[in-house]
C-alpha atoms as a PDB file:
ATOM      1  CA  UNK A   1     -52.244  15.048 -29.172  1.00  0.00           C
ATOM      2  CA  UNK A   2     -49.129  17.612 -30.810  1.00  0.00           C
ATOM      3  CA  UNK A   3     -45.810  15.711 -31.182  1.00  0.00           C
ATOM      4  CA  UNK A   4     -44.423  18.915 -29.071  1.00  0.00           C
ATOM      5  CA  UNK A   5     -46.295  17.202 -25.771  1.00  0.00           C
ATOM      6  CA  UNK A   6     -45.796  13.623 -26.366  1.00  0.00           C
ATOM      7  CA  UNK A   7     -42.330  14.324 -24.802  1.00  0.00           C
ATOM      8  CA  UNK A   8     -43.136  16.564 -21.933  1.00  0.00           C
ATOM      9  CA  UNK A   9     -46.014  13.989 -20.941  1.00  0.00           C
ATOM     10  CA  UNK A  10     -43.242  11.043 -21.319  1.00  0.00           C
ATOM     11  CA  UNK A  11     -41.048  13.134 -18.699  1.00  0.00           C
ATOM     12  CA  UNK A  12     -43.897  13.598 -16.785  1.00  0.00           C
ATOM     13  CA  UNK A  13     -45.191  10.501 -16.157  1.00  0.00           C
ATOM     14  CA  UNK A  14     -41.716   9.167 -15.126  1.00  0.00           C
ATOM     15  CA  UNK A  15     -41.686  11.990 -12.584  1.00  0.00           C
ATOM     16  CA  UNK A  16     -44.981  10.982 -11.300  1.00  0.00           C
ATOM     17  CA  UNK A  17     -43.772   7.483 -10.749  1.00  0.00           C
ATOM     18  CA  UNK A  18     -40.708   8.854  -8.840  1.00  0.00           C
ATOM     19  CA  UNK A  19     -42.356  11.279  -6.783  1.00  0.00           C
ATOM     20  CA  UNK A  20     -44.890   8.168  -5.966  1.00  0.00           C
ATOM     21  CA  UNK A  21     -42.224   6.016  -5.062  1.00  0.00           C
ATOM     22  CA  UNK A  22     -40.639   9.056  -2.592  1.00  0.00           C
ATOM     23  CA  UNK A  23     -43.707   9.095  -0.719  1.00  0.00           C
ATOM     24  CA  UNK A  24     -43.708   5.529  -0.700  1.00  0.00           C
ATOM     25  CA  UNK A  25     -40.104   5.933   0.758  1.00  0.00           C
ATOM     26  CA  UNK A  26     -41.690   8.302   3.481  1.00  0.00           C
ATOM     27  CA  UNK A  27     -40.462  11.296   2.251  1.00  0.00           C
ATOM     28  CA  UNK A  28     -43.174  14.186   2.277  1.00  0.00           C
ATOM     29  CA  UNK A  29     -41.332  16.966   0.993  1.00  0.00           C
ATOM     30  CA  UNK A  30     -40.206  17.069  -2.703  1.00  0.00           C
ATOM     31  CA  UNK A  31     -38.492  19.243  -4.785  1.00  0.00           C
ATOM     32  CA  UNK A  32     -39.399  19.387  -8.438  1.00  0.00           C
ATOM     33  CA  UNK A  33     -36.718  21.032 -10.376  1.00  0.00           C
ATOM     34  CA  UNK A  34     -37.674  23.413 -12.569  1.00  0.00           C
ATOM     35  CA  UNK A  35     -40.871  23.620 -14.326  1.00  0.00           C
ATOM     36  CA  UNK A  36     -39.576  25.817 -17.134  1.00  0.00           C
ATOM     37  CA  UNK A  37     -42.039  28.218 -17.440  1.00  0.00           C
ATOM     38  CA  UNK A  38     -39.893  30.381 -19.718  1.00  0.00           C
ATOM     39  CA  UNK A  39     -37.230  28.709 -20.397  1.00  0.00           C
ATOM     40  CA  UNK A  40     -38.262  26.914 -23.607  1.00  0.00           C
ATOM     41  CA  UNK A  41     -40.511  29.861 -24.710  1.00  0.00           C
ATOM     42  CA  UNK A  42     -41.110  29.547 -28.306  1.00  0.00           C
ATOM     43  CA  UNK A  43     -39.029  32.245 -30.478  1.00  0.00           C
ATOM     44  CA  UNK A  44     -41.862  32.508 -32.540  1.00  0.00           C
ATOM     45  CA  UNK A  45     -44.621  35.077 -30.880  1.00  0.00           C
ATOM     46  CA  UNK A  46     -47.286  33.197 -32.663  1.00  0.00           C
ATOM     47  CA  UNK A  47     -46.533  29.934 -30.862  1.00  0.00           C
ATOM     48  CA  UNK A  48     -45.749  31.601 -27.389  1.00  0.00           C
ATOM     49  CA  UNK A  49     -49.642  31.746 -26.038  1.00  0.00           C
ATOM     50  CA  UNK A  50     -49.999  27.940 -25.954  1.00  0.00           C
ATOM     51  CA  UNK A  51     -46.484  27.405 -24.296  1.00  0.00           C
ATOM     52  CA  UNK A  52     -47.392  28.588 -20.335  1.00  0.00           C
ATOM     53  CA  UNK A  53     -50.686  26.181 -20.742  1.00  0.00           C
ATOM     54  CA  UNK A  54     -48.005  23.642 -22.101  1.00  0.00           C
ATOM     55  CA  UNK A  55     -45.502  23.983 -19.352  1.00  0.00           C
ATOM     56  CA  UNK A  56     -47.783  24.090 -16.259  1.00  0.00           C
ATOM     57  CA  UNK A  57     -49.605  20.778 -17.501  1.00  0.00           C
ATOM     58  CA  UNK A  58     -46.658  18.617 -17.560  1.00  0.00           C
ATOM     59  CA  UNK A  59     -45.611  20.380 -14.285  1.00  0.00           C
ATOM     60  CA  UNK A  60     -49.019  19.395 -12.607  1.00  0.00           C
ATOM     61  CA  UNK A  61     -49.411  16.254 -14.558  1.00  0.00           C
ATOM     62  CA  UNK A  62     -45.588  15.338 -12.690  1.00  0.00           C
ATOM     63  CA  UNK A  63     -47.477  16.335  -9.589  1.00  0.00           C
ATOM     64  CA  UNK A  64     -50.534  14.816 -10.052  1.00  0.00           C
ATOM     65  CA  UNK A  65     -49.675  11.489  -8.123  1.00  0.00           C
ATOM     66  CA  UNK A  66     -49.074  13.377  -4.434  1.00  0.00           C
ATOM     67  CA  UNK A  67     -50.868  13.007  -1.871  1.00  0.00           C
ATOM     68  CA  UNK A  68     -52.413  16.405  -0.092  1.00  0.00           C
ATOM     69  CA  UNK A  69     -49.992  15.632   2.796  1.00  0.00           C
ATOM     70  CA  UNK A  70     -46.928  16.034   0.773  1.00  0.00           C
ATOM     71  CA  UNK A  71     -45.629  19.018  -0.352  1.00  0.00           C
ATOM     72  CA  UNK A  72     -44.455  19.890  -2.946  1.00  0.00           C
ATOM     73  CA  UNK A  73     -41.375  22.272  -4.006  1.00  0.00           C
ATOM     74  CA  UNK A  74     -40.599  23.612  -7.330  1.00  0.00           C
ATOM     75  CA  UNK A  75     -36.992  25.092  -7.872  1.00  0.00           C
ATOM     76  CA  UNK A  76     -36.996  27.854 -10.198  1.00  0.00           C
ATOM     77  CA  UNK A  77     -33.667  29.516 -11.901  1.00  0.00           C
ATOM     78  CA  UNK A  78     -33.593  33.659 -12.092  1.00  0.00           C
ATOM     79  CA  UNK A  79     -36.334  34.384 -14.562  1.00  0.00           C
ATOM     80  CA  UNK A  80     -38.727  37.384 -14.625  1.00  0.00           C
ATOM     81  CA  UNK A  81     -41.043  36.390 -12.066  1.00  0.00           C
ATOM     82  CA  UNK A  82     -43.000  39.356 -12.667  1.00  0.00           C
ATOM     83  CA  UNK A  83     -44.346  38.415 -15.982  1.00  0.00           C
ATOM     84  CA  UNK A  84     -45.115  34.697 -14.663  1.00  0.00           C
ATOM     85  CA  UNK A  85     -46.680  35.102 -11.060  1.00  0.00           C
ATOM     86  CA  UNK A  86     -49.870  33.674 -12.834  1.00  0.00           C
ATOM     87  CA  UNK A  87     -48.688  30.546 -14.211  1.00  0.00           C
ATOM     88  CA  UNK A  88     -46.675  30.072 -10.590  1.00  0.00           C
ATOM     89  CA  UNK A  89     -49.921  30.713  -8.735  1.00  0.00           C
ATOM     90  CA  UNK A  90     -51.599  28.012 -11.202  1.00  0.00           C
ATOM     91  CA  UNK A  91     -48.640  25.415 -10.820  1.00  0.00           C
ATOM     92  CA  UNK A  92     -50.345  24.826  -7.496  1.00  0.00           C
ATOM     93  CA  UNK A  93     -47.452  24.230  -5.417  1.00  0.00           C
ATOM     94  CA  UNK A  94     -47.197  24.825  -1.852  1.00  0.00           C
ATOM     95  CA  UNK A  95     -43.770  26.099  -1.782  1.00  0.00           C
ATOM     96  CA  UNK A  96     -42.210  27.804  -4.925  1.00  0.00           C
ATOM     97  CA  UNK A  97     -38.225  28.061  -4.099  1.00  0.00           C
ATOM     98  CA  UNK A  98     -36.026  30.072  -6.066  1.00  0.00           C
ATOM     99  CA  UNK A  99     -32.675  31.520  -6.852  1.00  0.00           C
ATOM    100  CA  UNK A 100     -32.825  35.121  -4.814  1.00  0.00           C
ATOM    101  CA  UNK A 101     -29.689  36.235  -3.541  1.00  0.00           C
ATOM    102  CA  UNK A 102     -27.907  37.936  -6.699  1.00  0.00           C
ATOM    103  CA  UNK A 103     -31.221  39.772  -7.322  1.00  0.00           C
ATOM    104  CA  UNK A 104     -31.377  40.956  -3.951  1.00  0.00           C
ATOM    105  CA  UNK A 105     -34.484  39.437  -3.235  1.00  0.00           C
ATOM    106  CA  UNK A 106     -36.482  41.612  -6.072  1.00  0.00           C
ATOM    107  CA  UNK A 107     -38.941  38.707  -7.059  1.00  0.00           C
ATOM    108  CA  UNK A 108     -40.682  39.200  -3.289  1.00  0.00           C
ATOM    109  CA  UNK A 109     -41.673  43.109  -3.963  1.00  0.00           C
ATOM    110  CA  UNK A 110     -43.528  41.166  -7.557  1.00  0.00           C
ATOM    111  CA  UNK A 111     -45.000  38.165  -5.304  1.00  0.00           C
ATOM    112  CA  UNK A 112     -46.249  40.242  -2.959  1.00  0.00           C
ATOM    113  CA  UNK A 113     -47.741  42.638  -5.074  1.00  0.00           C
ATOM    114  CA  UNK A 114     -49.482  39.832  -7.565  1.00  0.00           C
ATOM    115  CA  UNK A 115     -51.425  39.086  -4.231  1.00  0.00           C
ATOM    116  CA  UNK A 116     -49.506  35.487  -4.100  1.00  0.00           C
ATOM    117  CA  UNK A 117     -50.039  33.284  -1.132  1.00  0.00           C
ATOM    118  CA  UNK A 118     -48.135  30.240  -1.166  1.00  0.00           C
ATOM    119  CA  UNK A 119     -45.050  29.673   0.373  1.00  0.00           C
ATOM    120  CA  UNK A 120     -42.051  30.961  -0.876  1.00  0.00           C
ATOM    121  CA  UNK A 121     -38.216  29.594  -0.199  1.00  0.00           C
ATOM    122  CA  UNK A 122     -36.086  32.266  -1.518  1.00  0.00           C
ATOM    123  CA  UNK A 123     -32.213  31.491  -2.032  1.00  0.00           C
ATOM    124  CA  UNK A 124     -29.741  33.756   0.779  1.00  0.00           C
ATOM    125  CA  UNK A 125     -26.535  32.668  -0.918  1.00  0.00           C
ATOM    126  CA  UNK A 126     -25.212  32.532  -4.220  1.00  0.00           C
ATOM    127  CA  UNK A 127     -23.993  28.372  -4.317  1.00  0.00           C
ATOM    128  CA  UNK A 128     -21.916  29.210  -7.185  1.00  0.00           C
ATOM    129  CA  UNK A 129     -18.791  30.716  -5.507  1.00  0.00           C
ATOM    130  CA  UNK A 130     -16.776  28.688  -3.124  1.00  0.00           C
ATOM    131  CA  UNK A 131     -16.791  31.316  -0.812  1.00  0.00           C
ATOM    132  CA  UNK A 132     -18.615  30.925   2.841  1.00  0.00           C
ATOM    133  CA  UNK A 133     -21.342  33.765   3.237  1.00  0.00           C
ATOM    134  CA  UNK A 134     -21.384  35.007   6.759  1.00  0.00           C
ATOM    135  CA  UNK A 135     -24.326  34.512   8.719  1.00  0.00           C
ATOM    136  CA  UNK A 136     -24.628  38.473   8.951  1.00  0.00           C
ATOM    137  CA  UNK A 137     -24.930  38.381   5.144  1.00  0.00           C
ATOM    138  CA  UNK A 138     -27.808  35.984   5.101  1.00  0.00           C
ATOM    139  CA  UNK A 139     -29.633  37.395   8.048  1.00  0.00           C
ATOM    140  CA  UNK A 140     -29.395  40.572   5.614  1.00  0.00           C
ATOM    141  CA  UNK A 141     -30.968  38.995   2.700  1.00  0.00           C
ATOM    142  CA  UNK A 142     -33.601  38.024   4.929  1.00  0.00           C
ATOM    143  CA  UNK A 143     -34.140  41.193   6.206  1.00  0.00           C
ATOM    144  CA  UNK A 144     -34.686  41.766   2.572  1.00  0.00           C
ATOM    145  CA  UNK A 145     -37.138  39.472   1.703  1.00  0.00           C
ATOM    146  CA  UNK A 146     -39.051  40.129   5.116  1.00  0.00           C
ATOM    147  CA  UNK A 147     -39.282  43.822   4.421  1.00  0.00           C
ATOM    148  CA  UNK A 148     -40.502  43.404   1.244  1.00  0.00           C
ATOM    149  CA  UNK A 149     -43.370  41.022   1.740  1.00  0.00           C
ATOM    150  CA  UNK A 150     -46.054  40.191   4.281  1.00  0.00           C
ATOM    151  CA  UNK A 151     -45.429  36.378   2.754  1.00  0.00           C
ATOM    152  CA  UNK A 152     -45.802  33.767   5.299  1.00  0.00           C
ATOM    153  CA  UNK A 153     -44.602  30.185   4.809  1.00  0.00           C
ATOM    154  CA  UNK A 154     -40.895  31.628   3.842  1.00  0.00           C
ATOM    155  CA  UNK A 155     -38.429  28.849   3.579  1.00  0.00           C
ATOM    156  CA  UNK A 156     -34.783  29.903   3.625  1.00  0.00           C
ATOM    157  CA  UNK A 157     -32.956  28.029   1.047  1.00  0.00           C
ATOM    158  CA  UNK A 158     -29.492  27.853  -0.698  1.00  0.00           C
ATOM    159  CA  UNK A 159     -29.414  29.424  -4.159  1.00  0.00           C
ATOM    160  CA  UNK A 160     -29.293  26.558  -5.999  1.00  0.00           C
ATOM    161  CA  UNK A 161     -28.344  22.666  -5.593  1.00  0.00           C
ATOM    162  CA  UNK A 162     -25.432  21.702  -3.491  1.00  0.00           C
ATOM    163  CA  UNK A 163     -23.755  19.622  -5.912  1.00  0.00           C
ATOM    164  CA  UNK A 164     -20.885  21.425  -6.984  1.00  0.00           C
ATOM    165  CA  UNK A 165     -19.563  22.320  -3.834  1.00  0.00           C
ATOM    166  CA  UNK A 166     -17.620  20.623  -1.448  1.00  0.00           C
ATOM    167  CA  UNK A 167     -18.444  19.023   1.760  1.00  0.00           C
ATOM    168  CA  UNK A 168     -16.777  21.006   4.335  1.00  0.00           C
ATOM    169  CA  UNK A 169     -18.083  24.529   2.540  1.00  0.00           C
ATOM    170  CA  UNK A 170     -21.170  23.335   2.120  1.00  0.00           C
ATOM    171  CA  UNK A 171     -21.303  22.121   5.489  1.00  0.00           C
ATOM    172  CA  UNK A 172     -19.663  25.378   7.060  1.00  0.00           C
ATOM    173  CA  UNK A 173     -22.586  27.465   4.726  1.00  0.00           C
ATOM    174  CA  UNK A 174     -25.865  25.398   6.189  1.00  0.00           C
ATOM    175  CA  UNK A 175     -24.800  26.127   9.586  1.00  0.00           C
ATOM    176  CA  UNK A 176     -24.438  29.698   8.851  1.00  0.00           C
ATOM    177  CA  UNK A 177     -27.939  29.669   6.910  1.00  0.00           C
ATOM    178  CA  UNK A 178     -29.849  27.680  10.473  1.00  0.00           C
ATOM    179  CA  UNK A 179     -28.049  30.785  12.341  1.00  0.00           C
ATOM    180  CA  UNK A 180     -29.421  33.391  10.090  1.00  0.00           C
ATOM    181  CA  UNK A 181     -32.775  31.979   9.810  1.00  0.00           C
ATOM    182  CA  UNK A 182     -33.044  31.572  13.701  1.00  0.00           C
ATOM    183  CA  UNK A 183     -31.655  35.225  13.950  1.00  0.00           C
ATOM    184  CA  UNK A 184     -34.638  36.412  11.515  1.00  0.00           C
ATOM    185  CA  UNK A 185     -36.804  34.750  13.615  1.00  0.00           C
ATOM    186  CA  UNK A 186     -36.534  36.343  16.529  1.00  0.00           C
ATOM    187  CA  UNK A 187     -36.234  39.654  14.298  1.00  0.00           C
ATOM    188  CA  UNK A 188     -39.914  38.881  13.019  1.00  0.00           C
ATOM    189  CA  UNK A 189     -41.130  37.817  16.487  1.00  0.00           C
ATOM    190  CA  UNK A 190     -40.625  41.111  17.888  1.00  0.00           C
END
């Protein structure tokens, strides 16, 4: 085992224990933040080929204790999704949640073109701003997603974790998110 693999294996093992504990507490949908499929890509081209396999092994070790009934959702920050779709598929996650609001859902076209068949959870509002997006804004983002995709299993998400936002703005934005999702379901049903 190379020294490069020791730390990720230890972190992945700790996350595996945490996932097992969450399941024991009755949690059936678990988000695992950022599998780092490109973020830590080595600068030396000679070292790059092995890296995606290394990152995928760490993610799969972290999630390997989850029961089949538990949904695993990796969360991925902005990246060049078109270049890592194969790696995303190998993660074997149920739903991949991604930042997509600022890119206006560009990644959905890449996923569709690649034949990606698992669930996708695009972020429909950028949480880095305290501004509460209108229902129409989020509905438009969902329309872009539905218009570019034949994907099933669409999960509606904020673009990132909500920790930097206050309760009042978060609650207002989540209310708008729910209303936008309801409107999108009606539109898609037609």
